[in-house]
Amino acid sequence: MGDAIFQFVVFGLIILGSISFTLFIRRLLVNASYKNQRLYNIEQKLDAIIEKMEKDK
């Protein structure tokens, strides 16, 4: 009886670890995508500012 409970606990911990690792990797990918989009938007704004400054010269 005790061996079966131990096996269920170990199996449950393995499943829990796998799920948490998957969610961690997913969060990293989502955050990286969001940061890349923000950097792209900042670059576009800087390009627009540079163009306006060149026109003013």
C-alpha atoms as a PDB file:
ATOM      1  CA  MET A   1       0.000   0.000   0.000  1.00  0.00           C
ATOM      2  CA  GLY A   2       2.766   2.413   0.947  1.00  0.00           C
ATOM      3  CA  ASP A   3       4.658   1.665  -2.267  1.00  0.00           C
ATOM      4  CA  ALA A   4       1.641   2.546  -4.409  1.00  0.00           C
ATOM      5  CA  ILE A   5       1.166   5.872  -2.626  1.00  0.00           C
ATOM      6  CA  PHE A   6       4.866   6.666  -3.070  1.00  0.00           C
ATOM      7  CA  GLN A   7       4.656   5.871  -6.782  1.00  0.00           C
ATOM      8  CA  PHE A   8       1.590   8.103  -7.188  1.00  0.00           C
ATOM      9  CA  VAL A   9       3.353  10.954  -5.395  1.00  0.00           C
ATOM     10  CA  VAL A  10       6.495  10.595  -7.535  1.00  0.00           C
ATOM     11  CA  PHE A  11       4.432  10.336 -10.717  1.00  0.00           C
ATOM     12  CA  GLY A  12       2.417  13.402  -9.706  1.00  0.00           C
ATOM     13  CA  LEU A  13       5.595  15.385  -9.029  1.00  0.00           C
ATOM     14  CA  ILE A  14       6.984  14.407 -12.432  1.00  0.00           C
ATOM     15  CA  ILE A  15       3.778  15.543 -14.144  1.00  0.00           C
ATOM     16  CA  LEU A  16       3.728  18.785 -12.143  1.00  0.00           C
ATOM     17  CA  GLY A  17       7.372  19.475 -13.002  1.00  0.00           C
ATOM     18  CA  SER A  18       6.745  18.875 -16.699  1.00  0.00           C
ATOM     19  CA  ILE A  19       3.753  21.209 -16.758  1.00  0.00           C
ATOM     20  CA  SER A  20       5.550  23.969 -14.864  1.00  0.00           C
ATOM     21  CA  PHE A  21       8.601  23.699 -17.150  1.00  0.00           C
ATOM     22  CA  THR A  22       6.382  23.911 -20.233  1.00  0.00           C
ATOM     23  CA  LEU A  23       4.586  26.985 -18.890  1.00  0.00           C
ATOM     24  CA  PHE A  24       7.924  28.594 -17.986  1.00  0.00           C
ATOM     25  CA  ILE A  25       9.277  28.136 -21.523  1.00  0.00           C
ATOM     26  CA  ARG A  26       5.999  29.433 -22.975  1.00  0.00           C
ATOM     27  CA  ARG A  27       6.207  32.554 -20.808  1.00  0.00           C
ATOM     28  CA  LEU A  28       9.785  33.167 -21.920  1.00  0.00           C
ATOM     29  CA  LEU A  29       8.788  32.935 -25.573  1.00  0.00           C
ATOM     30  CA  VAL A  30       5.815  35.272 -25.134  1.00  0.00           C
ATOM     31  CA  ASN A  31       7.918  37.850 -23.282  1.00  0.00           C
ATOM     32  CA  ALA A  32      10.669  37.666 -25.908  1.00  0.00           C
ATOM     33  CA  SER A  33       8.123  38.252 -28.653  1.00  0.00           C
ATOM     34  CA  TYR A  34       6.669  41.233 -26.780  1.00  0.00           C
ATOM     35  CA  LYS A  35      10.131  42.746 -26.258  1.00  0.00           C
ATOM     36  CA  ASN A  36      11.002  42.317 -29.939  1.00  0.00           C
ATOM     37  CA  GLN A  37       7.794  44.100 -30.935  1.00  0.00           C
ATOM     38  CA  ARG A  38       8.529  46.988 -28.539  1.00  0.00           C
ATOM     39  CA  LEU A  39      12.062  47.346 -29.920  1.00  0.00           C
ATOM     40  CA  TYR A  40      10.728  47.394 -33.468  1.00  0.00           C
ATOM     41  CA  ASN A  41       8.246  50.147 -32.565  1.00  0.00           C
ATOM     42  CA  ILE A  42      10.970  52.202 -30.879  1.00  0.00           C
ATOM     43  CA  GLU A  43      13.208  51.839 -33.945  1.00  0.00           C
ATOM     44  CA  GLN A  44      10.392  53.065 -36.202  1.00  0.00           C
ATOM     45  CA  LYS A  45       9.808  56.103 -34.003  1.00  0.00           C
ATOM     46  CA  LEU A  46      13.512  56.908 -33.937  1.00  0.00           C
ATOM     47  CA  ASP A  47      13.681  56.635 -37.724  1.00  0.00           C
ATOM     48  CA  ALA A  48      10.771  59.072 -38.024  1.00  0.00           C
ATOM     49  CA  ILE A  49      12.496  61.525 -35.653  1.00  0.00           C
ATOM     50  CA  ILE A  50      15.755  61.289 -37.603  1.00  0.00           C
ATOM     51  CA  GLU A  51      13.933  61.935 -40.883  1.00  0.00           C
ATOM     52  CA  LYS A  52      12.231  65.034 -39.439  1.00  0.00           C
ATOM     53  CA  MET A  53      15.526  66.348 -38.106  1.00  0.00           C
ATOM     54  CA  GLU A  54      17.189  65.852 -41.496  1.00  0.00           C
ATOM     55  CA  LYS A  55      14.352  67.728 -43.223  1.00  0.00           C
ATOM     56  CA  ASP A  56      14.749  70.639 -40.783  1.00  0.00           C
ATOM     57  CA  LYS A  57      18.441  71.008 -41.643  1.00  0.00           C
END
